[in-house]
Amino acid sequence: MIGALGPVVFVASAETLRTFSDFTRSSAGRWAKHDVFMQKPKTQFLGPGLDTISFTMQFNASLGINPRKELDKLVELERSGTAMALTIGGKGLGVGLWIITTLSQTWGSIDNEGNVLTASANLSLEEYVVST
């Protein structure tokens, strides 16, 4: 097992290939600027911002995956606002959970019965931190 985003397990085996590419993680601090009369503004660090992650998943029926079912599962997670853990290589990413903020699908090839044979999904995630 490579890792997982909640119930979506990233795996590369002889029977199944469900993984990702083009992984990008971004983070930024939160800053405020306070105007001061006749002086330059004062900058104050408010704390860390929420990290974002984006990546692409490829689905191919010839590699043991039903692309339509995989895409439907991702749509359900996105539409329900499910916050879930993201782990890669046995290590969690971020300080909390992650939500899918954007999901776009590309259907590559479809057979003569309407079955999706190849597809890809571009996911954008945002850190979800539970208030304490």
C-alpha atoms as a PDB file:
ATOM      1  CA  MET A   1       0.000   0.000   0.000  1.00  0.00           C
ATOM      2  CA  ILE A   2       1.377   3.388  -1.051  1.00  0.00           C
ATOM      3  CA  GLY A   3      -1.038   5.376   1.092  1.00  0.00           C
ATOM      4  CA  ALA A   4      -4.662   6.441   1.337  1.00  0.00           C
ATOM      5  CA  LEU A   5      -7.049   9.351   1.234  1.00  0.00           C
ATOM      6  CA  GLY A   6      -9.710   8.141   3.638  1.00  0.00           C
ATOM      7  CA  PRO A   7     -11.326   5.086   2.012  1.00  0.00           C
ATOM      8  CA  VAL A   8      -9.429   5.548  -1.281  1.00  0.00           C
ATOM      9  CA  VAL A   9      -6.367   3.322  -1.006  1.00  0.00           C
ATOM     10  CA  PHE A  10      -3.388   4.013  -3.271  1.00  0.00           C
ATOM     11  CA  VAL A  11      -1.976   0.675  -4.361  1.00  0.00           C
ATOM     12  CA  ALA A  12       0.308  -0.705  -7.061  1.00  0.00           C
ATOM     13  CA  SER A  13       0.207  -4.495  -7.356  1.00  0.00           C
ATOM     14  CA  ALA A  14       0.137  -7.118 -10.088  1.00  0.00           C
ATOM     15  CA  GLU A  15      -3.690  -7.062 -10.023  1.00  0.00           C
ATOM     16  CA  THR A  16      -4.536  -3.429  -9.333  1.00  0.00           C
ATOM     17  CA  LEU A  17      -3.110   0.006 -10.018  1.00  0.00           C
ATOM     18  CA  ARG A  18      -4.657   2.956  -8.156  1.00  0.00           C
ATOM     19  CA  THR A  19      -2.090   5.650  -7.580  1.00  0.00           C
ATOM     20  CA  PHE A  20      -1.450   9.330  -8.276  1.00  0.00           C
ATOM     21  CA  SER A  21       0.939  11.637 -10.120  1.00  0.00           C
ATOM     22  CA  ASP A  22       1.781  15.341 -10.260  1.00  0.00           C
ATOM     23  CA  PHE A  23       1.554  15.687  -6.460  1.00  0.00           C
ATOM     24  CA  THR A  24       1.903  19.308  -5.319  1.00  0.00           C
ATOM     25  CA  ARG A  25       1.679  20.629  -1.765  1.00  0.00           C
ATOM     26  CA  SER A  26       1.479  24.357  -0.945  1.00  0.00           C
ATOM     27  CA  SER A  27       1.557  26.185   2.354  1.00  0.00           C
ATOM     28  CA  ALA A  28       1.608  29.826   3.401  1.00  0.00           C
ATOM     29  CA  GLY A  29       1.484  31.833   6.572  1.00  0.00           C
ATOM     30  CA  ARG A  30      -1.327  34.211   7.505  1.00  0.00           C
ATOM     31  CA  TRP A  31      -0.272  37.841   7.806  1.00  0.00           C
ATOM     32  CA  ALA A  32      -2.036  41.096   8.707  1.00  0.00           C
ATOM     33  CA  LYS A  33      -0.930  44.603   7.826  1.00  0.00           C
ATOM     34  CA  HIS A  34      -1.812  47.417  10.221  1.00  0.00           C
ATOM     35  CA  ASP A  35      -1.791  50.956   8.910  1.00  0.00           C
ATOM     36  CA  VAL A  36       0.180  53.481  10.948  1.00  0.00           C
ATOM     37  CA  PHE A  37      -0.280  57.197  10.298  1.00  0.00           C
ATOM     38  CA  MET A  38       2.665  58.672   8.357  1.00  0.00           C
ATOM     39  CA  GLN A  39       4.677  55.438   8.661  1.00  0.00           C
ATOM     40  CA  LYS A  40       4.993  52.201   6.807  1.00  0.00           C
ATOM     41  CA  PRO A  41       2.401  49.573   7.742  1.00  0.00           C
ATOM     42  CA  LYS A  42       3.276  47.138  10.512  1.00  0.00           C
ATOM     43  CA  THR A  43       3.157  43.459   9.591  1.00  0.00           C
ATOM     44  CA  GLN A  44       1.977  40.872  12.088  1.00  0.00           C
ATOM     45  CA  PHE A  45       2.224  37.100  11.741  1.00  0.00           C
ATOM     46  CA  LEU A  46      -1.151  35.555  12.624  1.00  0.00           C
ATOM     47  CA  GLY A  47      -0.120  31.914  12.294  1.00  0.00           C
ATOM     48  CA  PRO A  48       0.081  29.196   9.713  1.00  0.00           C
ATOM     49  CA  GLY A  49      -2.465  28.972   6.923  1.00  0.00           C
ATOM     50  CA  LEU A  50      -4.177  25.864   5.636  1.00  0.00           C
ATOM     51  CA  ASP A  51      -2.079  23.701   3.332  1.00  0.00           C
ATOM     52  CA  THR A  52      -3.393  22.656  -0.052  1.00  0.00           C
ATOM     53  CA  ILE A  53      -2.543  19.588  -2.107  1.00  0.00           C
ATOM     54  CA  SER A  54      -3.325  18.696  -5.692  1.00  0.00           C
ATOM     55  CA  PHE A  55      -2.698  15.534  -7.673  1.00  0.00           C
ATOM     56  CA  THR A  56      -4.003  13.484 -10.588  1.00  0.00           C
ATOM     57  CA  MET A  57      -5.304   9.924 -10.442  1.00  0.00           C
ATOM     58  CA  GLN A  58      -5.418   7.693 -13.536  1.00  0.00           C
ATOM     59  CA  PHE A  59      -7.918   4.850 -13.877  1.00  0.00           C
ATOM     60  CA  ASN A  60      -7.641   2.089 -16.456  1.00  0.00           C
ATOM     61  CA  ALA A  61     -10.006  -0.893 -16.672  1.00  0.00           C
ATOM     62  CA  SER A  62      -7.188  -3.072 -18.043  1.00  0.00           C
ATOM     63  CA  LEU A  63      -5.290  -2.518 -14.766  1.00  0.00           C
ATOM     64  CA  GLY A  64      -7.971  -3.969 -12.489  1.00  0.00           C
ATOM     65  CA  ILE A  65      -9.922  -0.763 -11.813  1.00  0.00           C
ATOM     66  CA  ASN A  66     -13.466   0.219 -12.781  1.00  0.00           C
ATOM     67  CA  PRO A  67     -12.954   3.901 -13.691  1.00  0.00           C
ATOM     68  CA  ARG A  68     -16.637   4.814 -13.347  1.00  0.00           C
ATOM     69  CA  LYS A  69     -16.903   3.346  -9.839  1.00  0.00           C
ATOM     70  CA  GLU A  70     -13.673   5.086  -8.772  1.00  0.00           C
ATOM     71  CA  LEU A  71     -14.915   8.447 -10.053  1.00  0.00           C
ATOM     72  CA  ASP A  72     -18.319   7.945  -8.396  1.00  0.00           C
ATOM     73  CA  LYS A  73     -16.588   7.252  -5.067  1.00  0.00           C
ATOM     74  CA  LEU A  74     -14.564  10.477  -5.357  1.00  0.00           C
ATOM     75  CA  VAL A  75     -17.685  12.488  -6.263  1.00  0.00           C
ATOM     76  CA  GLU A  76     -19.470  11.105  -3.200  1.00  0.00           C
ATOM     77  CA  LEU A  77     -16.563  12.111  -0.931  1.00  0.00           C
ATOM     78  CA  GLU A  78     -16.411  15.604  -2.462  1.00  0.00           C
ATOM     79  CA  ARG A  79     -20.153  16.252  -2.352  1.00  0.00           C
ATOM     80  CA  SER A  80     -20.543  15.010   1.209  1.00  0.00           C
ATOM     81  CA  GLY A  81     -17.755  17.263   2.494  1.00  0.00           C
ATOM     82  CA  THR A  82     -16.106  14.271   4.127  1.00  0.00           C
ATOM     83  CA  ALA A  83     -12.956  15.182   6.065  1.00  0.00           C
ATOM     84  CA  MET A  84     -10.438  12.352   5.920  1.00  0.00           C
ATOM     85  CA  ALA A  85      -6.865  11.474   6.709  1.00  0.00           C
ATOM     86  CA  LEU A  86      -4.212  11.531   3.982  1.00  0.00           C
ATOM     87  CA  THR A  87      -1.275   9.186   4.400  1.00  0.00           C
ATOM     88  CA  ILE A  88       1.628   8.511   2.060  1.00  0.00           C
ATOM     89  CA  GLY A  89       4.261   5.919   2.877  1.00  0.00           C
ATOM     90  CA  GLY A  90       2.696   5.202   6.259  1.00  0.00           C
ATOM     91  CA  LYS A  91       2.997   8.824   7.393  1.00  0.00           C
ATOM     92  CA  GLY A  92       0.122  11.282   7.739  1.00  0.00           C
ATOM     93  CA  LEU A  93       0.285  14.629   5.991  1.00  0.00           C
ATOM     94  CA  GLY A  94      -0.753  17.850   7.694  1.00  0.00           C
ATOM     95  CA  VAL A  95      -1.912  18.418  11.246  1.00  0.00           C
ATOM     96  CA  GLY A  96      -5.511  17.401  10.697  1.00  0.00           C
ATOM     97  CA  LEU A  97      -7.748  15.978   8.049  1.00  0.00           C
ATOM     98  CA  TRP A  98      -8.289  16.905   4.390  1.00  0.00           C
ATOM     99  CA  ILE A  99     -11.336  17.806   2.318  1.00  0.00           C
ATOM    100  CA  ILE A 100     -11.751  17.642  -1.450  1.00  0.00           C
ATOM    101  CA  THR A 101     -12.343  21.227  -2.587  1.00  0.00           C
ATOM    102  CA  THR A 102     -12.202  20.600  -6.331  1.00  0.00           C
ATOM    103  CA  LEU A 103     -12.670  17.463  -8.397  1.00  0.00           C
ATOM    104  CA  SER A 104     -12.512  17.388 -12.179  1.00  0.00           C
ATOM    105  CA  GLN A 105     -12.904  14.284 -14.336  1.00  0.00           C
ATOM    106  CA  THR A 106     -11.700  13.395 -17.807  1.00  0.00           C
ATOM    107  CA  TRP A 107     -13.162  10.320 -19.475  1.00  0.00           C
ATOM    108  CA  GLY A 108     -10.548   9.025 -21.901  1.00  0.00           C
ATOM    109  CA  SER A 109     -12.083   6.084 -23.726  1.00  0.00           C
ATOM    110  CA  ILE A 110     -15.525   4.500 -23.609  1.00  0.00           C
ATOM    111  CA  ASP A 111     -16.523   1.172 -25.165  1.00  0.00           C
ATOM    112  CA  ASN A 112     -19.533   0.504 -27.406  1.00  0.00           C
ATOM    113  CA  GLU A 113     -21.703  -0.259 -24.352  1.00  0.00           C
ATOM    114  CA  GLY A 114     -20.954   3.023 -22.565  1.00  0.00           C
ATOM    115  CA  ASN A 115     -18.411   1.594 -20.107  1.00  0.00           C
ATOM    116  CA  VAL A 116     -15.621   3.984 -19.184  1.00  0.00           C
ATOM    117  CA  LEU A 117     -12.336   2.201 -19.921  1.00  0.00           C
ATOM    118  CA  THR A 118      -9.864   4.969 -19.055  1.00  0.00           C
ATOM    119  CA  ALA A 119     -10.326   8.139 -17.042  1.00  0.00           C
ATOM    120  CA  SER A 120      -8.458  10.586 -14.863  1.00  0.00           C
ATOM    121  CA  ALA A 121      -9.394  12.750 -11.904  1.00  0.00           C
ATOM    122  CA  ASN A 122      -7.705  15.953 -10.784  1.00  0.00           C
ATOM    123  CA  LEU A 123      -8.167  16.532  -7.058  1.00  0.00           C
ATOM    124  CA  SER A 124      -7.519  19.615  -4.976  1.00  0.00           C
ATOM    125  CA  LEU A 125      -7.469  19.128  -1.205  1.00  0.00           C
ATOM    126  CA  GLU A 126      -7.437  21.601   1.653  1.00  0.00           C
ATOM    127  CA  GLU A 127      -6.407  20.946   5.204  1.00  0.00           C
ATOM    128  CA  TYR A 128      -9.347  20.656   7.600  1.00  0.00           C
ATOM    129  CA  VAL A 129      -8.432  21.425  11.181  1.00  0.00           C
ATOM    130  CA  VAL A 130     -10.938  20.623  13.898  1.00  0.00           C
ATOM    131  CA  SER A 131     -11.351  23.395  16.470  1.00  0.00           C
ATOM    132  CA  THR A 132     -10.342  22.513  20.000  1.00  0.00           C
END
